[in-house]
Amino acid sequence: MNMHTTPDGTVAPSAAHSPLPQPLPLQYSPAGTPPLTRVSLAYVHQRFNLYLRFGQPERTLQLDHWRRCAIFKPSAVFCRVRWQANDQGTTLWQLMVLQAGTPLDTMQRLPGVRPGARVLLHVEGELKVRAVLQQIDVIEAQGIDACTVAAAYWGTLGNRLAAWTSGPSVAPLQLPTFTADRHAAALAARDLP
């Protein structure tokens, strides 16, 4: 059996004689093509719903009756909502606003998002998820595409929600609004060199 030394100094059998199959690359990208981000989506009636609230995938693949895969170009912004339940009721509410990575970005690894994404907003719990969904509805009611909202707004919204605690003695939740003026300013700032 052929042996080789690994980078940490231990001796291991050669990969040529390994009984385990070699892992395949996560995705194939021809030379010069930026890698795409794949997002897993699923639905099981009254048990599990993993869906996109907003986002413009390059394409969507239907894997089977319950599962789909949305594929995004680099730098695309999208919102993924996860809801889970069991026989006793809802067990998980989760909402994430994510930005697909570019080849030189640092990305966070997330379940169901390959190879990873930049997290702009992450909230858990029914009250917080519903509050963000209401903010998204307000943004879209103004005719603004939620995919083009400034990343700083999602960060501010996440910080406000992280600082907020529910309870009878706590002041009502005051979330920042994203207006058409702020949107115009964000778009103008994005166009600056």
C-alpha atoms as a PDB file:
ATOM      1  CA  MET A   1       0.000   0.000   0.000  1.00  0.00           C
ATOM      2  CA  ASN A   2       1.348   3.436  -0.918  1.00  0.00           C
ATOM      3  CA  MET A   3       1.647   5.899   1.954  1.00  0.00           C
ATOM      4  CA  HIS A   4       2.087   9.671   1.930  1.00  0.00           C
ATOM      5  CA  THR A   5       2.642  12.374   4.514  1.00  0.00           C
ATOM      6  CA  THR A   6      -0.224  14.824   5.070  1.00  0.00           C
ATOM      7  CA  PRO A   7       0.388  18.576   5.713  1.00  0.00           C
ATOM      8  CA  ASP A   8       0.015  18.061   9.462  1.00  0.00           C
ATOM      9  CA  GLY A   9       2.810  15.450   9.481  1.00  0.00           C
ATOM     10  CA  THR A  10       0.751  12.264   9.874  1.00  0.00           C
ATOM     11  CA  VAL A  11       1.103   9.314   7.546  1.00  0.00           C
ATOM     12  CA  ALA A  12      -1.969   8.266   5.552  1.00  0.00           C
ATOM     13  CA  PRO A  13      -2.719   5.798   2.752  1.00  0.00           C
ATOM     14  CA  SER A  14      -2.466   7.202  -0.752  1.00  0.00           C
ATOM     15  CA  ALA A  15      -5.713   8.488  -2.306  1.00  0.00           C
ATOM     16  CA  ALA A  16      -5.117   6.267  -5.335  1.00  0.00           C
ATOM     17  CA  HIS A  17      -5.862   3.169  -3.224  1.00  0.00           C
ATOM     18  CA  SER A  18      -8.532   4.710  -0.995  1.00  0.00           C
ATOM     19  CA  PRO A  19     -11.765   2.665  -0.830  1.00  0.00           C
ATOM     20  CA  LEU A  20     -13.831   5.855  -0.499  1.00  0.00           C
ATOM     21  CA  PRO A  21     -14.903   7.757  -3.621  1.00  0.00           C
ATOM     22  CA  GLN A  22     -13.359  11.176  -4.129  1.00  0.00           C
ATOM     23  CA  PRO A  23     -15.748  14.135  -3.513  1.00  0.00           C
ATOM     24  CA  LEU A  24     -17.066  15.918  -6.569  1.00  0.00           C
ATOM     25  CA  PRO A  25     -16.772  19.706  -6.855  1.00  0.00           C
ATOM     26  CA  LEU A  26     -19.852  21.593  -5.621  1.00  0.00           C
ATOM     27  CA  GLN A  27     -20.485  23.159  -8.986  1.00  0.00           C
ATOM     28  CA  TYR A  28     -18.902  23.251 -12.396  1.00  0.00           C
ATOM     29  CA  SER A  29     -17.844  26.664 -13.672  1.00  0.00           C
ATOM     30  CA  PRO A  30     -16.099  27.016 -17.020  1.00  0.00           C
ATOM     31  CA  ALA A  31     -12.954  29.159 -16.900  1.00  0.00           C
ATOM     32  CA  GLY A  32     -13.775  32.856 -16.575  1.00  0.00           C
ATOM     33  CA  THR A  33     -17.360  32.239 -15.439  1.00  0.00           C
ATOM     34  CA  PRO A  34     -18.209  33.472 -11.937  1.00  0.00           C
ATOM     35  CA  PRO A  35     -19.599  30.750  -9.658  1.00  0.00           C
ATOM     36  CA  LEU A  36     -23.351  30.673  -9.105  1.00  0.00           C
ATOM     37  CA  THR A  37     -25.057  30.347  -5.726  1.00  0.00           C
ATOM     38  CA  ARG A  38     -27.518  27.489  -5.297  1.00  0.00           C
ATOM     39  CA  VAL A  39     -30.315  27.821  -2.737  1.00  0.00           C
ATOM     40  CA  SER A  40     -32.352  24.795  -1.689  1.00  0.00           C
ATOM     41  CA  LEU A  41     -36.106  25.294  -1.277  1.00  0.00           C
ATOM     42  CA  ALA A  42     -38.690  22.800  -0.016  1.00  0.00           C
ATOM     43  CA  TYR A  43     -42.329  22.422   0.983  1.00  0.00           C
ATOM     44  CA  VAL A  44     -44.023  19.673   2.993  1.00  0.00           C
ATOM     45  CA  HIS A  45     -47.679  20.440   3.761  1.00  0.00           C
ATOM     46  CA  GLN A  46     -48.185  21.646   7.373  1.00  0.00           C
ATOM     47  CA  ARG A  47     -44.640  20.583   8.361  1.00  0.00           C
ATOM     48  CA  PHE A  48     -41.961  22.505   6.530  1.00  0.00           C
ATOM     49  CA  ASN A  49     -41.761  25.490   4.191  1.00  0.00           C
ATOM     50  CA  LEU A  50     -38.458  26.882   2.938  1.00  0.00           C
ATOM     51  CA  TYR A  51     -39.174  29.553   0.336  1.00  0.00           C
ATOM     52  CA  LEU A  52     -37.962  32.799  -1.228  1.00  0.00           C
ATOM     53  CA  ARG A  53     -39.787  35.952  -0.118  1.00  0.00           C
ATOM     54  CA  PHE A  54     -37.999  38.034  -2.723  1.00  0.00           C
ATOM     55  CA  GLY A  55     -35.158  37.556  -5.152  1.00  0.00           C
ATOM     56  CA  GLN A  56     -34.637  37.075  -8.856  1.00  0.00           C
ATOM     57  CA  PRO A  57     -32.994  33.705  -9.499  1.00  0.00           C
ATOM     58  CA  GLU A  58     -31.190  33.118 -12.766  1.00  0.00           C
ATOM     59  CA  ARG A  59     -33.161  29.887 -13.009  1.00  0.00           C
ATOM     60  CA  THR A  60     -35.093  27.478 -10.791  1.00  0.00           C
ATOM     61  CA  LEU A  61     -34.822  23.709 -10.972  1.00  0.00           C
ATOM     62  CA  GLN A  62     -37.701  21.492  -9.829  1.00  0.00           C
ATOM     63  CA  LEU A  63     -35.957  18.501  -8.207  1.00  0.00           C
ATOM     64  CA  ASP A  64     -39.093  16.610  -7.206  1.00  0.00           C
ATOM     65  CA  HIS A  65     -42.595  17.279  -5.846  1.00  0.00           C
ATOM     66  CA  TRP A  66     -41.241  18.826  -2.611  1.00  0.00           C
ATOM     67  CA  ARG A  67     -37.851  20.287  -3.495  1.00  0.00           C
ATOM     68  CA  ARG A  68     -36.565  23.051  -5.772  1.00  0.00           C
ATOM     69  CA  CYS A  69     -33.221  24.732  -6.269  1.00  0.00           C
ATOM     70  CA  ALA A  70     -32.919  28.455  -7.095  1.00  0.00           C
ATOM     71  CA  ILE A  71     -29.692  29.560  -8.754  1.00  0.00           C
ATOM     72  CA  PHE A  72     -28.440  33.145  -8.313  1.00  0.00           C
ATOM     73  CA  LYS A  73     -25.770  35.201 -10.061  1.00  0.00           C
ATOM     74  CA  PRO A  74     -22.966  36.726  -7.953  1.00  0.00           C
ATOM     75  CA  SER A  75     -24.009  39.766  -5.849  1.00  0.00           C
ATOM     76  CA  ALA A  76     -27.742  38.975  -6.187  1.00  0.00           C
ATOM     77  CA  VAL A  77     -29.787  39.763  -3.062  1.00  0.00           C
ATOM     78  CA  PHE A  78     -32.604  37.462  -1.935  1.00  0.00           C
ATOM     79  CA  CYS A  79     -34.670  36.630   1.132  1.00  0.00           C
ATOM     80  CA  ARG A  80     -35.174  33.065   2.332  1.00  0.00           C
ATOM     81  CA  VAL A  81     -37.858  32.228   4.903  1.00  0.00           C
ATOM     82  CA  ARG A  82     -37.943  28.970   6.856  1.00  0.00           C
ATOM     83  CA  TRP A  83     -40.986  27.751   8.771  1.00  0.00           C
ATOM     84  CA  GLN A  84     -41.180  24.415  10.588  1.00  0.00           C
ATOM     85  CA  ALA A  85     -43.893  22.718  12.611  1.00  0.00           C
ATOM     86  CA  ASN A  86     -44.675  19.459  14.358  1.00  0.00           C
ATOM     87  CA  ASP A  87     -47.833  17.978  15.903  1.00  0.00           C
ATOM     88  CA  GLN A  88     -47.827  20.609  18.683  1.00  0.00           C
ATOM     89  CA  GLY A  89     -47.484  23.622  16.362  1.00  0.00           C
ATOM     90  CA  THR A  90     -44.811  25.920  14.972  1.00  0.00           C
ATOM     91  CA  THR A  91     -41.275  25.083  16.061  1.00  0.00           C
ATOM     92  CA  LEU A  92     -39.193  27.513  13.990  1.00  0.00           C
ATOM     93  CA  TRP A  93     -39.536  30.837  12.184  1.00  0.00           C
ATOM     94  CA  GLN A  94     -36.400  32.091  10.473  1.00  0.00           C
ATOM     95  CA  LEU A  95     -35.776  34.813   7.901  1.00  0.00           C
ATOM     96  CA  MET A  96     -32.489  35.639   6.205  1.00  0.00           C
ATOM     97  CA  VAL A  97     -31.680  38.330   3.673  1.00  0.00           C
ATOM     98  CA  LEU A  98     -28.622  37.067   1.818  1.00  0.00           C
ATOM     99  CA  GLN A  99     -26.296  38.279  -0.901  1.00  0.00           C
ATOM    100  CA  ALA A 100     -24.755  35.751  -3.274  1.00  0.00           C
ATOM    101  CA  GLY A 101     -20.991  35.877  -3.159  1.00  0.00           C
ATOM    102  CA  THR A 102     -18.487  36.850  -5.813  1.00  0.00           C
ATOM    103  CA  PRO A 103     -15.249  34.878  -6.320  1.00  0.00           C
ATOM    104  CA  LEU A 104     -13.175  37.032  -3.924  1.00  0.00           C
ATOM    105  CA  ASP A 105     -15.825  37.565  -1.220  1.00  0.00           C
ATOM    106  CA  THR A 106     -15.731  35.995   2.186  1.00  0.00           C
ATOM    107  CA  MET A 107     -18.964  34.089   2.608  1.00  0.00           C
ATOM    108  CA  GLN A 108     -20.705  32.395   5.473  1.00  0.00           C
ATOM    109  CA  ARG A 109     -21.573  28.741   5.035  1.00  0.00           C
ATOM    110  CA  LEU A 110     -25.288  28.164   5.490  1.00  0.00           C
ATOM    111  CA  PRO A 111     -27.350  24.990   5.287  1.00  0.00           C
ATOM    112  CA  GLY A 112     -28.965  24.767   1.876  1.00  0.00           C
ATOM    113  CA  VAL A 113     -26.903  27.621   0.364  1.00  0.00           C
ATOM    114  CA  ARG A 114     -23.932  26.490  -1.724  1.00  0.00           C
ATOM    115  CA  PRO A 115     -21.165  27.545  -1.684  1.00  0.00           C
ATOM    116  CA  GLY A 116     -22.340  30.197   0.827  1.00  0.00           C
ATOM    117  CA  ALA A 117     -23.573  33.777   1.021  1.00  0.00           C
ATOM    118  CA  ARG A 118     -23.109  37.071   2.815  1.00  0.00           C
ATOM    119  CA  VAL A 119     -25.711  37.438   5.581  1.00  0.00           C
ATOM    120  CA  LEU A 120     -27.295  40.906   5.483  1.00  0.00           C
ATOM    121  CA  LEU A 121     -30.098  40.136   7.967  1.00  0.00           C
ATOM    122  CA  HIS A 122     -30.889  37.127  10.145  1.00  0.00           C
ATOM    123  CA  VAL A 123     -33.882  36.963  12.495  1.00  0.00           C
ATOM    124  CA  GLU A 124     -35.600  34.112  14.306  1.00  0.00           C
ATOM    125  CA  GLY A 125     -38.911  33.929  16.112  1.00  0.00           C
ATOM    126  CA  GLU A 126     -42.449  34.601  14.948  1.00  0.00           C
ATOM    127  CA  LEU A 127     -42.693  38.244  16.119  1.00  0.00           C
ATOM    128  CA  LYS A 128     -39.408  39.310  14.550  1.00  0.00           C
ATOM    129  CA  VAL A 129     -39.996  37.455  11.278  1.00  0.00           C
ATOM    130  CA  ARG A 130     -43.491  38.954  10.958  1.00  0.00           C
ATOM    131  CA  ALA A 131     -42.062  42.437  11.677  1.00  0.00           C
ATOM    132  CA  VAL A 132     -39.506  42.046   8.855  1.00  0.00           C
ATOM    133  CA  LEU A 133     -42.158  40.674   6.476  1.00  0.00           C
ATOM    134  CA  GLN A 134     -44.270  43.769   7.209  1.00  0.00           C
ATOM    135  CA  GLN A 135     -41.265  46.009   6.451  1.00  0.00           C
ATOM    136  CA  ILE A 136     -40.748  44.193   3.150  1.00  0.00           C
ATOM    137  CA  ASP A 137     -44.436  44.707   2.305  1.00  0.00           C
ATOM    138  CA  VAL A 138     -44.091  48.452   3.040  1.00  0.00           C
ATOM    139  CA  ILE A 139     -40.991  48.673   0.827  1.00  0.00           C
ATOM    140  CA  GLU A 140     -42.705  46.876  -2.050  1.00  0.00           C
ATOM    141  CA  ALA A 141     -45.872  48.990  -1.644  1.00  0.00           C
ATOM    142  CA  GLN A 142     -43.726  52.048  -2.477  1.00  0.00           C
ATOM    143  CA  GLY A 143     -42.753  50.423  -5.780  1.00  0.00           C
ATOM    144  CA  ILE A 144     -39.223  49.600  -4.623  1.00  0.00           C
ATOM    145  CA  ASP A 145     -37.759  46.214  -5.528  1.00  0.00           C
ATOM    146  CA  ALA A 146     -36.590  44.698  -2.225  1.00  0.00           C
ATOM    147  CA  CYS A 147     -33.547  43.231  -4.025  1.00  0.00           C
ATOM    148  CA  THR A 148     -32.202  46.757  -4.576  1.00  0.00           C
ATOM    149  CA  VAL A 149     -32.554  47.946  -0.963  1.00  0.00           C
ATOM    150  CA  ALA A 150     -29.243  49.098   0.532  1.00  0.00           C
ATOM    151  CA  ALA A 151     -27.334  46.485   2.526  1.00  0.00           C
ATOM    152  CA  ALA A 152     -26.913  49.058   5.316  1.00  0.00           C
ATOM    153  CA  TYR A 153     -30.691  49.136   5.808  1.00  0.00           C
ATOM    154  CA  TRP A 154     -30.850  45.365   6.342  1.00  0.00           C
ATOM    155  CA  GLY A 155     -28.011  45.638   8.859  1.00  0.00           C
ATOM    156  CA  THR A 156     -29.750  48.456  10.742  1.00  0.00           C
ATOM    157  CA  LEU A 157     -33.013  46.518  10.788  1.00  0.00           C
ATOM    158  CA  GLY A 158     -31.215  43.443  12.124  1.00  0.00           C
ATOM    159  CA  ASN A 159     -29.512  45.463  14.869  1.00  0.00           C
ATOM    160  CA  ARG A 160     -32.810  47.017  15.986  1.00  0.00           C
ATOM    161  CA  LEU A 161     -34.455  43.596  16.108  1.00  0.00           C
ATOM    162  CA  ALA A 162     -31.520  42.090  18.002  1.00  0.00           C
ATOM    163  CA  ALA A 163     -31.738  44.837  20.646  1.00  0.00           C
ATOM    164  CA  TRP A 164     -35.507  44.527  21.009  1.00  0.00           C
ATOM    165  CA  THR A 165     -37.002  42.200  23.593  1.00  0.00           C
ATOM    166  CA  SER A 166     -40.701  41.479  23.862  1.00  0.00           C
ATOM    167  CA  GLY A 167     -42.728  41.815  27.008  1.00  0.00           C
ATOM    168  CA  PRO A 168     -45.367  43.996  28.647  1.00  0.00           C
ATOM    169  CA  SER A 169     -42.867  46.474  30.127  1.00  0.00           C
ATOM    170  CA  VAL A 170     -40.986  47.027  26.867  1.00  0.00           C
ATOM    171  CA  ALA A 171     -41.750  49.901  24.511  1.00  0.00           C
ATOM    172  CA  PRO A 172     -43.314  48.925  21.187  1.00  0.00           C
ATOM    173  CA  LEU A 173     -40.933  47.992  18.419  1.00  0.00           C
ATOM    174  CA  GLN A 174     -39.789  51.017  16.387  1.00  0.00           C
ATOM    175  CA  LEU A 175     -38.238  49.877  13.117  1.00  0.00           C
ATOM    176  CA  PRO A 176     -36.529  52.162  10.603  1.00  0.00           C
ATOM    177  CA  THR A 177     -38.514  52.807   7.441  1.00  0.00           C
ATOM    178  CA  PHE A 178     -36.953  52.625   4.010  1.00  0.00           C
ATOM    179  CA  THR A 179     -38.366  55.503   1.987  1.00  0.00           C
ATOM    180  CA  ALA A 180     -38.112  56.357  -1.701  1.00  0.00           C
ATOM    181  CA  ASP A 181     -35.708  59.211  -0.799  1.00  0.00           C
ATOM    182  CA  ARG A 182     -33.377  56.828   1.043  1.00  0.00           C
ATOM    183  CA  HIS A 183     -33.599  54.432  -1.869  1.00  0.00           C
ATOM    184  CA  ALA A 184     -32.656  57.154  -4.372  1.00  0.00           C
ATOM    185  CA  ALA A 185     -29.715  58.170  -2.178  1.00  0.00           C
ATOM    186  CA  ALA A 186     -28.548  54.550  -1.877  1.00  0.00           C
ATOM    187  CA  LEU A 187     -28.738  54.074  -5.651  1.00  0.00           C
ATOM    188  CA  ALA A 188     -26.811  57.309  -6.236  1.00  0.00           C
ATOM    189  CA  ALA A 189     -24.124  56.257  -3.746  1.00  0.00           C
ATOM    190  CA  ARG A 190     -23.851  52.859  -5.451  1.00  0.00           C
ATOM    191  CA  ASP A 191     -23.130  54.588  -8.791  1.00  0.00           C
ATOM    192  CA  LEU A 192     -20.256  56.671  -7.402  1.00  0.00           C
ATOM    193  CA  PRO A 193     -16.730  55.541  -8.374  1.00  0.00           C
END
